[in-house]
């Protein structure tokens, strides 16, 4: 008798990794790292728990990959928006609008993975907490560079304390994400114009 060819039984389920990470991202953003169970992730990712373990080993490693993808996508989207603008002030305005859009409606309810993880992971996982801290420091450094660019091109008052202004704007954009998780932000345009007044 001819030998029967082996079928696909026993093979791990095939799926698009980026899509799976994007689906897991929504779960982690809405529930947080600790509250997101494998059952939650299985439902959200439309995968069996076994497939998740085979592909990502455990929830922690899954979160690491999700976090890396989240920060990469966010940084790329923001960089593309800022790249076409000539002055530091215009770039700061675009950055503020970017965070306002992220804090609005469904996107806002999902929450920011960086902000949401900052407090939650600080006490429990130094490595994950370190990744969050690095992401926040990168955001802070990016804002500082925009302010310094504005001071050089004349769109930001050169007498402003760049470091202090950076801290204020960082607190503002992080606060937008927290507020957006709870409710839509009122007077959105006024928020941007008020913040830009600090640059004068």
N, C-alpha and C. Protein backbone atom coordinates (compact mmCIF):
# COMPACT_ATOMS: atom_id res chain seq x y z
N UNK A 1 0.84 -1.20 0.00
CA UNK A 1 0.00 0.00 0.00
C UNK A 1 0.88 1.25 0.00
N UNK A 2 0.49 2.25 -0.73
CA UNK A 2 1.30 3.49 -0.71
C UNK A 2 1.21 4.15 0.65
N UNK A 3 2.32 4.70 1.04
CA UNK A 3 2.37 5.37 2.34
C UNK A 3 1.51 6.63 2.32
N UNK A 4 0.66 6.76 3.32
CA UNK A 4 -0.20 7.94 3.38
C UNK A 4 0.62 9.16 3.78
N UNK A 5 0.39 10.23 3.08
CA UNK A 5 1.10 11.47 3.44
C UNK A 5 0.51 12.01 4.72
N UNK A 6 1.35 12.57 5.52
CA UNK A 6 0.91 13.15 6.77
C UNK A 6 0.19 14.47 6.53
N UNK A 7 -0.93 14.66 7.20
CA UNK A 7 -1.69 15.89 7.06
C UNK A 7 -1.15 16.97 7.97
N UNK A 8 -1.97 17.96 8.18
CA UNK A 8 -1.54 19.11 8.96
C UNK A 8 -1.83 18.91 10.44
N UNK A 9 -2.38 17.73 10.81
CA UNK A 9 -2.69 17.52 12.22
C UNK A 9 -1.43 17.67 13.06
N UNK A 10 -1.54 18.40 14.13
CA UNK A 10 -0.40 18.59 15.03
C UNK A 10 0.39 19.85 14.75
N UNK A 11 0.18 20.44 13.60
CA UNK A 11 0.89 21.68 13.31
C UNK A 11 0.27 22.83 14.12
N UNK A 12 1.10 23.79 14.53
CA UNK A 12 0.52 24.96 15.19
C UNK A 12 -0.31 25.77 14.20
N UNK A 13 -1.31 26.40 14.71
CA UNK A 13 -2.19 27.19 13.86
C UNK A 13 -1.41 28.33 13.22
N UNK A 14 -1.62 28.50 11.91
CA UNK A 14 -0.94 29.55 11.18
C UNK A 14 -1.77 30.84 11.26
N UNK A 15 -1.09 31.96 11.48
CA UNK A 15 -1.79 33.23 11.55
C UNK A 15 -0.80 34.35 11.27
N UNK A 16 -1.34 35.51 10.99
CA UNK A 16 -0.51 36.69 10.73
C UNK A 16 -0.06 37.27 12.07
N UNK A 17 1.24 37.28 12.29
CA UNK A 17 1.76 37.69 13.60
C UNK A 17 1.44 39.14 13.90
N UNK A 18 1.63 40.02 12.94
CA UNK A 18 1.35 41.44 13.19
C UNK A 18 -0.12 41.66 13.54
N UNK A 19 -1.00 40.99 12.83
CA UNK A 19 -2.42 41.12 13.13
C UNK A 19 -2.73 40.59 14.53
N UNK A 20 -2.11 39.47 14.89
CA UNK A 20 -2.31 38.92 16.23
C UNK A 20 -1.82 39.89 17.29
N UNK A 21 -0.68 40.52 17.05
CA UNK A 21 -0.15 41.49 18.01
C UNK A 21 -1.06 42.71 18.11
N UNK A 22 -1.62 43.14 16.98
CA UNK A 22 -2.53 44.29 17.00
C UNK A 22 -3.78 43.97 17.81
N UNK A 23 -4.29 42.76 17.68
CA UNK A 23 -5.46 42.36 18.44
C UNK A 23 -5.14 42.25 19.94
N UNK A 24 -3.97 41.70 20.24
CA UNK A 24 -3.55 41.62 21.64
C UNK A 24 -3.33 43.00 22.22
N UNK A 25 -2.86 43.91 21.38
CA UNK A 25 -2.64 45.29 21.80
C UNK A 25 -3.92 45.92 22.32
N UNK A 26 -5.03 45.67 21.65
CA UNK A 26 -6.30 46.22 22.08
C UNK A 26 -6.70 45.69 23.46
N UNK A 27 -6.40 44.43 23.70
CA UNK A 27 -6.74 43.82 25.00
C UNK A 27 -5.89 44.44 26.09
N UNK A 28 -4.58 44.53 25.88
CA UNK A 28 -3.69 45.10 26.89
C UNK A 28 -4.01 46.57 27.14
N UNK A 29 -4.37 47.30 26.09
CA UNK A 29 -4.68 48.73 26.25
C UNK A 29 -5.95 48.94 27.06
N UNK A 30 -6.91 48.09 26.86
CA UNK A 30 -8.19 48.29 27.55
C UNK A 30 -8.20 47.71 28.96
N UNK A 31 -7.49 46.60 29.16
CA UNK A 31 -7.55 45.92 30.45
C UNK A 31 -6.31 46.12 31.32
N UNK A 32 -5.18 46.47 30.68
CA UNK A 32 -3.92 46.53 31.42
C UNK A 32 -3.22 45.19 31.39
N UNK A 33 -1.96 45.19 31.77
CA UNK A 33 -1.16 43.97 31.69
C UNK A 33 -1.65 42.90 32.66
N UNK A 34 -1.81 43.25 33.91
CA UNK A 34 -2.14 42.24 34.92
C UNK A 34 -3.57 41.74 34.78
N UNK A 35 -4.49 42.60 34.39
CA UNK A 35 -5.89 42.19 34.32
C UNK A 35 -6.21 41.41 33.05
N UNK A 36 -5.36 41.51 32.05
CA UNK A 36 -5.59 40.77 30.80
C UNK A 36 -5.22 39.31 31.00
N UNK A 37 -6.20 38.43 31.01
CA UNK A 37 -5.95 37.01 31.20
C UNK A 37 -5.69 36.34 29.84
N UNK A 38 -5.17 35.14 29.87
CA UNK A 38 -4.99 34.39 28.63
C UNK A 38 -6.33 34.16 27.95
N UNK A 39 -7.36 33.97 28.75
CA UNK A 39 -8.71 33.82 28.19
C UNK A 39 -9.13 35.09 27.45
N UNK A 40 -8.86 36.26 28.06
CA UNK A 40 -9.17 37.53 27.40
C UNK A 40 -8.38 37.66 26.09
N UNK A 41 -7.11 37.33 26.15
CA UNK A 41 -6.25 37.45 24.97
C UNK A 41 -6.67 36.45 23.89
N UNK A 42 -7.04 35.25 24.30
CA UNK A 42 -7.50 34.24 23.35
C UNK A 42 -8.73 34.72 22.60
N UNK A 43 -9.66 35.29 23.34
CA UNK A 43 -10.88 35.81 22.71
C UNK A 43 -10.56 37.01 21.81
N UNK A 44 -9.74 37.93 22.32
CA UNK A 44 -9.43 39.13 21.55
C UNK A 44 -8.60 38.86 20.32
N UNK A 45 -7.68 37.89 20.42
CA UNK A 45 -6.79 37.57 19.31
C UNK A 45 -7.40 36.54 18.36
N UNK A 46 -8.53 35.97 18.77
CA UNK A 46 -9.20 34.94 17.97
C UNK A 46 -8.29 33.73 17.74
N UNK A 47 -7.57 33.37 18.81
CA UNK A 47 -6.66 32.23 18.80
C UNK A 47 -6.92 31.37 20.03
N UNK A 48 -6.60 30.10 19.93
CA UNK A 48 -6.69 29.26 21.12
C UNK A 48 -5.54 29.61 22.06
N UNK A 49 -5.71 29.28 23.32
CA UNK A 49 -4.64 29.51 24.29
C UNK A 49 -3.39 28.75 23.88
N UNK A 50 -3.59 27.53 23.36
CA UNK A 50 -2.44 26.74 22.92
C UNK A 50 -1.66 27.42 21.82
N UNK A 51 -2.36 28.04 20.87
CA UNK A 51 -1.68 28.75 19.78
C UNK A 51 -0.90 29.94 20.31
N UNK A 52 -1.47 30.62 21.30
CA UNK A 52 -0.78 31.77 21.89
C UNK A 52 0.50 31.32 22.58
N UNK A 53 0.43 30.25 23.34
CA UNK A 53 1.62 29.75 24.04
C UNK A 53 2.67 29.25 23.06
N UNK A 54 2.24 28.58 21.99
CA UNK A 54 3.19 28.08 21.00
C UNK A 54 3.92 29.22 20.30
N UNK A 55 3.18 30.27 20.01
CA UNK A 55 3.77 31.38 19.25
C UNK A 55 4.54 32.36 20.13
N UNK A 56 4.05 32.60 21.36
CA UNK A 56 4.62 33.68 22.18
C UNK A 56 5.14 33.20 23.54
N UNK A 57 4.95 31.93 23.85
CA UNK A 57 5.48 31.29 25.06
C UNK A 57 4.71 31.63 26.33
N UNK A 58 4.51 32.92 26.57
CA UNK A 58 3.75 33.30 27.76
C UNK A 58 3.24 34.73 27.59
N UNK A 59 2.43 35.17 28.53
CA UNK A 59 1.82 36.50 28.43
C UNK A 59 2.88 37.59 28.46
N UNK A 60 3.90 37.40 29.25
CA UNK A 60 4.93 38.43 29.39
C UNK A 60 5.65 38.65 28.06
N UNK A 61 6.03 37.57 27.41
CA UNK A 61 6.72 37.70 26.13
C UNK A 61 5.79 38.28 25.07
N UNK A 62 4.53 37.91 25.13
CA UNK A 62 3.54 38.51 24.22
C UNK A 62 3.48 40.02 24.44
N UNK A 63 3.44 40.43 25.69
CA UNK A 63 3.37 41.87 25.98
C UNK A 63 4.62 42.59 25.47
N UNK A 64 5.78 41.97 25.62
CA UNK A 64 7.01 42.59 25.13
C UNK A 64 6.92 42.87 23.63
N UNK A 65 6.41 41.89 22.88
CA UNK A 65 6.29 42.07 21.44
C UNK A 65 5.21 43.09 21.09
N UNK A 66 4.12 43.07 21.84
CA UNK A 66 3.06 44.05 21.62
C UNK A 66 3.57 45.46 21.91
N UNK A 67 4.29 45.62 23.01
CA UNK A 67 4.79 46.94 23.40
C UNK A 67 5.75 47.48 22.34
N UNK A 68 6.64 46.61 21.84
CA UNK A 68 7.59 47.04 20.81
C UNK A 68 6.85 47.47 19.55
N UNK A 69 5.82 46.73 19.17
CA UNK A 69 5.05 47.10 17.97
C UNK A 69 4.28 48.39 18.20
N UNK A 70 3.69 48.54 19.37
CA UNK A 70 2.91 49.73 19.67
C UNK A 70 3.78 50.99 19.59
N UNK A 71 4.93 50.97 20.25
CA UNK A 71 5.78 52.16 20.25
C UNK A 71 6.34 52.43 18.86
N UNK A 72 6.64 51.38 18.10
CA UNK A 72 7.15 51.57 16.74
C UNK A 72 6.10 52.20 15.85
N UNK A 73 4.86 51.71 15.91
CA UNK A 73 3.79 52.26 15.08
C UNK A 73 3.50 53.71 15.46
N UNK A 74 3.44 53.99 16.75
CA UNK A 74 3.15 55.34 17.21
C UNK A 74 4.26 56.31 16.80
N UNK A 75 5.50 55.91 17.01
CA UNK A 75 6.63 56.79 16.68
C UNK A 75 6.69 57.06 15.19
N UNK A 76 6.42 56.03 14.38
CA UNK A 76 6.45 56.21 12.93
C UNK A 76 5.34 57.16 12.48
N UNK A 77 4.14 56.97 13.01
CA UNK A 77 3.01 57.82 12.62
C UNK A 77 3.28 59.28 12.99
N UNK A 78 3.81 59.50 14.18
CA UNK A 78 4.09 60.86 14.61
C UNK A 78 5.23 61.47 13.80
N UNK A 79 6.27 60.72 13.56
CA UNK A 79 7.42 61.22 12.80
C UNK A 79 7.01 61.63 11.40
N UNK A 80 6.15 60.84 10.76
CA UNK A 80 5.69 61.18 9.41
C UNK A 80 4.89 62.48 9.41
N UNK A 81 4.11 62.68 10.45
CA UNK A 81 3.30 63.90 10.53
C UNK A 81 4.19 65.12 10.74
N UNK A 82 5.22 64.98 11.56
CA UNK A 82 6.08 66.13 11.88
C UNK A 82 7.06 66.45 10.76
N UNK A 83 7.43 65.45 9.98
CA UNK A 83 8.50 65.62 8.99
C UNK A 83 8.17 66.67 7.94
N UNK A 84 6.91 66.88 7.65
CA UNK A 84 6.53 67.79 6.57
C UNK A 84 6.39 69.23 7.04
N UNK A 85 6.57 69.47 8.33
CA UNK A 85 6.37 70.82 8.88
C UNK A 85 7.71 71.53 9.06
N UNK A 86 7.77 72.83 8.74
CA UNK A 86 9.06 73.52 8.70
C UNK A 86 9.57 74.01 10.05
N UNK A 87 8.69 74.40 10.98
CA UNK A 87 9.16 75.05 12.20
C UNK A 87 8.89 74.20 13.43
N UNK A 88 9.64 74.47 14.46
CA UNK A 88 9.45 73.77 15.71
C UNK A 88 8.07 74.00 16.30
N UNK A 89 7.57 75.22 16.20
CA UNK A 89 6.24 75.54 16.75
C UNK A 89 5.14 74.75 16.04
N UNK A 90 5.24 74.68 14.71
CA UNK A 90 4.24 73.93 13.95
C UNK A 90 4.30 72.44 14.30
N UNK A 91 5.49 71.96 14.52
CA UNK A 91 5.64 70.55 14.89
C UNK A 91 5.08 70.28 16.28
N UNK A 92 5.27 71.20 17.19
CA UNK A 92 4.70 71.04 18.54
C UNK A 92 3.18 71.06 18.46
N UNK A 93 2.62 71.96 17.64
CA UNK A 93 1.17 72.00 17.47
C UNK A 93 0.66 70.68 16.90
N UNK A 94 1.38 70.14 15.92
CA UNK A 94 0.97 68.86 15.32
C UNK A 94 1.07 67.73 16.34
N UNK A 95 2.10 67.77 17.16
CA UNK A 95 2.24 66.76 18.21
C UNK A 95 1.07 66.80 19.18
N UNK A 96 0.66 68.01 19.57
CA UNK A 96 -0.46 68.15 20.49
C UNK A 96 -1.75 67.64 19.85
N UNK A 97 -1.95 67.96 18.58
CA UNK A 97 -3.14 67.45 17.87
C UNK A 97 -3.09 65.93 17.77
N UNK A 98 -1.91 65.39 17.56
CA UNK A 98 -1.74 63.93 17.48
C UNK A 98 -2.20 63.26 18.76
N UNK A 99 -1.80 63.83 19.90
CA UNK A 99 -2.20 63.24 21.18
C UNK A 99 -3.67 63.50 21.48
N UNK A 100 -4.19 64.63 21.04
CA UNK A 100 -5.62 64.89 21.23
C UNK A 100 -6.45 63.88 20.45
N UNK A 101 -6.05 63.61 19.21
CA UNK A 101 -6.77 62.61 18.41
C UNK A 101 -6.68 61.24 19.07
N UNK A 102 -5.53 60.94 19.65
CA UNK A 102 -5.34 59.65 20.31
C UNK A 102 -6.17 59.52 21.57
N UNK A 103 -6.56 60.66 22.14
CA UNK A 103 -7.32 60.65 23.40
C UNK A 103 -8.81 60.76 23.16
N UNK A 104 -9.24 60.71 21.90
CA UNK A 104 -10.64 60.96 21.58
C UNK A 104 -11.37 59.67 21.20
N UNK A 105 -12.65 59.65 21.51
CA UNK A 105 -13.58 58.62 21.07
C UNK A 105 -13.08 57.22 21.41
N UNK A 106 -13.24 56.28 20.46
CA UNK A 106 -12.88 54.89 20.72
C UNK A 106 -11.39 54.74 20.99
N UNK A 107 -10.59 55.45 20.21
CA UNK A 107 -9.13 55.39 20.40
C UNK A 107 -8.75 55.81 21.81
N UNK A 108 -9.38 56.84 22.31
CA UNK A 108 -9.09 57.30 23.66
C UNK A 108 -9.50 56.29 24.71
N UNK A 109 -10.64 55.62 24.50
CA UNK A 109 -11.10 54.63 25.48
C UNK A 109 -10.15 53.45 25.58
N UNK A 110 -9.52 53.12 24.47
CA UNK A 110 -8.57 52.00 24.51
C UNK A 110 -7.36 52.32 25.37
N UNK A 111 -7.03 53.58 25.46
CA UNK A 111 -5.94 53.99 26.33
C UNK A 111 -4.57 53.87 25.67
N UNK A 112 -3.60 54.45 26.33
CA UNK A 112 -2.22 54.44 25.85
C UNK A 112 -1.47 53.32 26.55
N UNK A 113 -0.83 52.46 25.78
CA UNK A 113 -0.12 51.32 26.37
C UNK A 113 1.05 51.79 27.22
N UNK A 114 1.70 52.88 26.83
CA UNK A 114 2.83 53.40 27.59
C UNK A 114 2.36 53.98 28.92
N UNK A 115 1.39 54.89 28.85
CA UNK A 115 0.89 55.54 30.06
C UNK A 115 0.22 54.53 30.98
N UNK A 116 -0.58 53.65 30.39
CA UNK A 116 -1.27 52.67 31.20
C UNK A 116 -0.35 51.70 31.91
N UNK A 117 0.81 51.44 31.32
CA UNK A 117 1.74 50.49 31.90
C UNK A 117 2.71 51.13 32.88
N UNK A 118 2.84 52.45 32.82
CA UNK A 118 3.88 53.13 33.60
C UNK A 118 3.76 52.86 35.09
N UNK A 119 2.56 53.03 35.63
CA UNK A 119 2.35 52.83 37.06
C UNK A 119 2.17 51.35 37.38
N UNK A 120 1.42 50.65 36.52
CA UNK A 120 1.07 49.26 36.78
C UNK A 120 2.29 48.36 36.92
N UNK A 121 3.31 48.58 36.10
CA UNK A 121 4.44 47.66 36.06
C UNK A 121 5.61 48.09 36.93
N UNK A 122 5.56 49.30 37.46
CA UNK A 122 6.71 49.86 38.16
C UNK A 122 7.15 48.99 39.33
N UNK A 123 6.20 48.46 40.09
CA UNK A 123 6.52 47.73 41.31
C UNK A 123 6.75 46.24 41.07
N UNK A 124 6.34 45.73 39.90
CA UNK A 124 6.26 44.28 39.75
C UNK A 124 7.24 43.69 38.76
N UNK A 125 7.70 44.45 37.80
CA UNK A 125 8.57 43.88 36.77
C UNK A 125 9.56 44.95 36.31
N UNK A 126 10.76 44.94 36.87
CA UNK A 126 11.75 45.98 36.54
C UNK A 126 12.07 46.06 35.05
N UNK A 127 12.11 44.91 34.36
CA UNK A 127 12.46 44.94 32.94
C UNK A 127 11.36 45.62 32.12
N UNK A 128 10.12 45.21 32.34
CA UNK A 128 9.02 45.83 31.62
C UNK A 128 8.89 47.30 31.99
N UNK A 129 9.08 47.60 33.27
CA UNK A 129 9.02 48.98 33.72
C UNK A 129 10.12 49.81 33.05
N UNK A 130 11.28 49.20 32.87
CA UNK A 130 12.38 49.90 32.21
C UNK A 130 12.06 50.24 30.77
N UNK A 131 11.34 49.35 30.07
CA UNK A 131 10.93 49.63 28.69
C UNK A 131 9.98 50.82 28.64
N UNK A 132 9.07 50.87 29.61
CA UNK A 132 8.12 51.98 29.67
C UNK A 132 8.86 53.28 29.95
N UNK A 133 9.80 53.23 30.91
CA UNK A 133 10.58 54.42 31.25
C UNK A 133 11.36 54.92 30.05
N UNK A 134 11.95 54.00 29.30
CA UNK A 134 12.70 54.37 28.10
C UNK A 134 11.80 55.04 27.07
N UNK A 135 10.58 54.51 26.91
CA UNK A 135 9.64 55.12 25.96
C UNK A 135 9.26 56.52 26.39
N UNK A 136 9.04 56.72 27.69
CA UNK A 136 8.70 58.05 28.19
C UNK A 136 9.87 59.02 28.02
N UNK A 137 11.08 58.55 28.27
CA UNK A 137 12.26 59.39 28.10
C UNK A 137 12.45 59.76 26.63
N UNK A 138 12.13 58.83 25.73
CA UNK A 138 12.23 59.13 24.31
C UNK A 138 11.22 60.20 23.91
N UNK A 139 10.01 60.11 24.46
CA UNK A 139 9.00 61.14 24.21
C UNK A 139 9.47 62.50 24.73
N UNK A 140 10.04 62.50 25.92
CA UNK A 140 10.53 63.74 26.52
C UNK A 140 11.64 64.34 25.68
N UNK A 141 12.57 63.52 25.23
CA UNK A 141 13.67 64.02 24.42
C UNK A 141 13.18 64.56 23.09
N UNK A 142 12.16 63.90 22.53
CA UNK A 142 11.59 64.38 21.26
C UNK A 142 10.96 65.75 21.40
N UNK A 143 10.24 65.96 22.50
CA UNK A 143 9.62 67.28 22.73
C UNK A 143 10.69 68.34 22.92
N UNK A 144 11.73 68.01 23.68
CA UNK A 144 12.82 68.96 23.89
C UNK A 144 13.46 69.36 22.57
N UNK A 145 13.66 68.42 21.69
CA UNK A 145 14.28 68.73 20.40
C UNK A 145 13.39 69.66 19.57
N UNK A 146 12.08 69.48 19.66
CA UNK A 146 11.17 70.37 18.93
C UNK A 146 11.22 71.78 19.48
N UNK A 147 11.28 71.90 20.80
CA UNK A 147 11.38 73.22 21.42
C UNK A 147 12.69 73.90 21.02
N UNK A 148 13.77 73.16 21.07
CA UNK A 148 15.07 73.72 20.69
C UNK A 148 15.09 74.11 19.22
N UNK A 149 14.47 73.31 18.38
CA UNK A 149 14.37 73.68 16.96
C UNK A 149 13.59 74.98 16.81
N UNK A 150 12.49 75.09 17.56
CA UNK A 150 11.70 76.31 17.50
C UNK A 150 12.46 77.53 17.97
N UNK A 151 13.27 77.36 18.99
CA UNK A 151 14.08 78.48 19.47
C UNK A 151 15.13 78.88 18.44
N UNK A 152 15.61 77.92 17.69
CA UNK A 152 16.61 78.22 16.67
C UNK A 152 15.98 78.87 15.44
N UNK A 153 14.76 78.45 15.08
CA UNK A 153 14.14 79.03 13.87
C UNK A 153 13.28 80.25 14.19
N UNK A 154 13.18 80.63 15.47
CA UNK A 154 12.48 81.84 15.86
C UNK A 154 10.99 81.68 16.13
N UNK A 155 10.48 80.45 16.06
CA UNK A 155 9.05 80.24 16.28
C UNK A 155 8.72 80.00 17.76
N UNK A 156 9.75 79.80 18.58
CA UNK A 156 9.60 79.64 20.03
C UNK A 156 10.50 80.65 20.70
N UNK A 157 9.99 81.31 21.72
CA UNK A 157 10.76 82.33 22.43
C UNK A 157 12.06 81.73 22.97
N UNK A 158 13.20 82.27 22.54
CA UNK A 158 14.49 81.72 22.99
C UNK A 158 14.75 81.92 24.48
N UNK A 159 13.96 82.79 25.12
CA UNK A 159 14.14 83.02 26.55
C UNK A 159 13.42 81.96 27.40
N UNK A 160 12.59 81.15 26.76
CA UNK A 160 11.89 80.08 27.50
C UNK A 160 12.90 79.06 28.01
N UNK A 161 12.64 78.54 29.19
CA UNK A 161 13.43 77.44 29.72
C UNK A 161 13.00 76.17 29.01
N UNK A 162 13.83 75.67 28.10
CA UNK A 162 13.44 74.55 27.25
C UNK A 162 13.14 73.29 28.05
N UNK A 163 13.95 73.02 29.08
CA UNK A 163 13.75 71.82 29.88
C UNK A 163 12.44 71.89 30.68
N UNK A 164 12.18 73.04 31.27
CA UNK A 164 10.93 73.20 32.03
C UNK A 164 9.72 73.12 31.12
N UNK A 165 9.81 73.74 29.96
CA UNK A 165 8.71 73.71 29.00
C UNK A 165 8.47 72.28 28.50
N UNK A 166 9.56 71.54 28.32
CA UNK A 166 9.44 70.14 27.93
C UNK A 166 8.65 69.34 28.96
N UNK A 167 8.96 69.56 30.23
CA UNK A 167 8.27 68.83 31.30
C UNK A 167 6.78 69.16 31.31
N UNK A 168 6.46 70.45 31.10
CA UNK A 168 5.05 70.86 31.09
C UNK A 168 4.30 70.19 29.93
N UNK A 169 4.90 70.21 28.74
CA UNK A 169 4.23 69.62 27.58
C UNK A 169 4.13 68.10 27.71
N UNK A 170 5.14 67.48 28.29
CA UNK A 170 5.07 66.03 28.49
C UNK A 170 3.93 65.67 29.44
N UNK A 171 3.82 66.42 30.53
CA UNK A 171 2.72 66.18 31.46
C UNK A 171 1.37 66.40 30.78
N UNK A 172 1.31 67.38 29.89
CA UNK A 172 0.06 67.67 29.18
C UNK A 172 -0.33 66.52 28.27
N UNK A 173 0.60 66.04 27.46
CA UNK A 173 0.23 64.99 26.50
C UNK A 173 -0.06 63.67 27.22
N UNK A 174 0.66 63.39 28.30
CA UNK A 174 0.35 62.17 29.06
C UNK A 174 -1.00 62.30 29.74
N UNK A 175 -1.28 63.49 30.24
CA UNK A 175 -2.57 63.73 30.87
C UNK A 175 -3.72 63.61 29.89
N UNK A 176 -3.49 63.99 28.64
CA UNK A 176 -4.52 63.82 27.62
C UNK A 176 -4.91 62.36 27.49
N UNK A 177 -3.92 61.47 27.51
CA UNK A 177 -4.21 60.05 27.33
C UNK A 177 -4.98 59.50 28.52
N UNK A 178 -4.65 59.96 29.71
CA UNK A 178 -5.37 59.51 30.90
C UNK A 178 -6.81 60.02 30.87
N UNK A 179 -6.97 61.32 30.55
CA UNK A 179 -8.31 61.91 30.50
C UNK A 179 -9.15 61.27 29.40
N UNK A 180 -8.52 60.97 28.26
CA UNK A 180 -9.24 60.37 27.15
C UNK A 180 -9.76 58.98 27.46
N UNK A 181 -9.10 58.30 28.39
CA UNK A 181 -9.56 56.97 28.81
C UNK A 181 -10.89 57.07 29.53
N UNK A 182 -11.15 58.21 30.17
CA UNK A 182 -12.35 58.39 30.97
C UNK A 182 -13.48 59.09 30.21
N UNK A 183 -13.09 60.08 29.39
CA UNK A 183 -14.13 60.87 28.73
C UNK A 183 -13.48 61.68 27.61
N UNK A 184 -14.31 62.15 26.69
CA UNK A 184 -13.80 63.02 25.64
C UNK A 184 -13.35 64.35 26.23
N UNK A 185 -12.26 64.86 25.72
CA UNK A 185 -11.75 66.13 26.22
C UNK A 185 -12.55 67.29 25.65
N UNK A 186 -13.02 68.21 26.49
CA UNK A 186 -13.74 69.38 25.98
C UNK A 186 -12.76 70.44 25.49
N UNK A 187 -13.27 71.36 24.70
CA UNK A 187 -12.49 72.52 24.24
C UNK A 187 -11.12 72.11 23.70
N UNK A 188 -11.14 71.18 22.75
CA UNK A 188 -9.88 70.62 22.25
C UNK A 188 -8.98 71.67 21.61
N UNK A 189 -9.55 72.52 20.76
CA UNK A 189 -8.72 73.53 20.09
C UNK A 189 -8.14 74.52 21.09
N UNK A 190 -8.93 74.83 22.12
CA UNK A 190 -8.44 75.74 23.15
C UNK A 190 -7.27 75.13 23.92
N UNK A 191 -7.28 73.82 24.07
CA UNK A 191 -6.17 73.14 24.73
C UNK A 191 -4.88 73.38 23.96
N UNK A 192 -4.95 73.23 22.65
CA UNK A 192 -3.75 73.42 21.83
C UNK A 192 -3.30 74.88 21.85
N UNK A 193 -4.23 75.81 21.65
CA UNK A 193 -3.85 77.22 21.61
C UNK A 193 -3.31 77.68 22.95
N UNK A 194 -3.87 77.17 24.05
CA UNK A 194 -3.36 77.53 25.38
C UNK A 194 -1.95 77.01 25.58
N UNK A 195 -1.71 75.78 25.14
CA UNK A 195 -0.37 75.21 25.29
C UNK A 195 0.65 75.97 24.42
N UNK A 196 0.23 76.33 23.22
CA UNK A 196 1.16 77.05 22.32
C UNK A 196 1.49 78.43 22.86
N UNK A 197 0.61 79.01 23.66
CA UNK A 197 0.90 80.32 24.25
C UNK A 197 2.11 80.26 25.18
N UNK A 198 2.41 79.07 25.69
CA UNK A 198 3.59 78.91 26.55
C UNK A 198 4.88 79.09 25.78
N UNK A 199 4.80 79.00 24.46
CA UNK A 199 5.99 79.11 23.63
C UNK A 199 6.35 80.56 23.33
N UNK A 200 5.47 81.51 23.66
CA UNK A 200 5.69 82.92 23.31
C UNK A 200 6.63 83.59 24.31
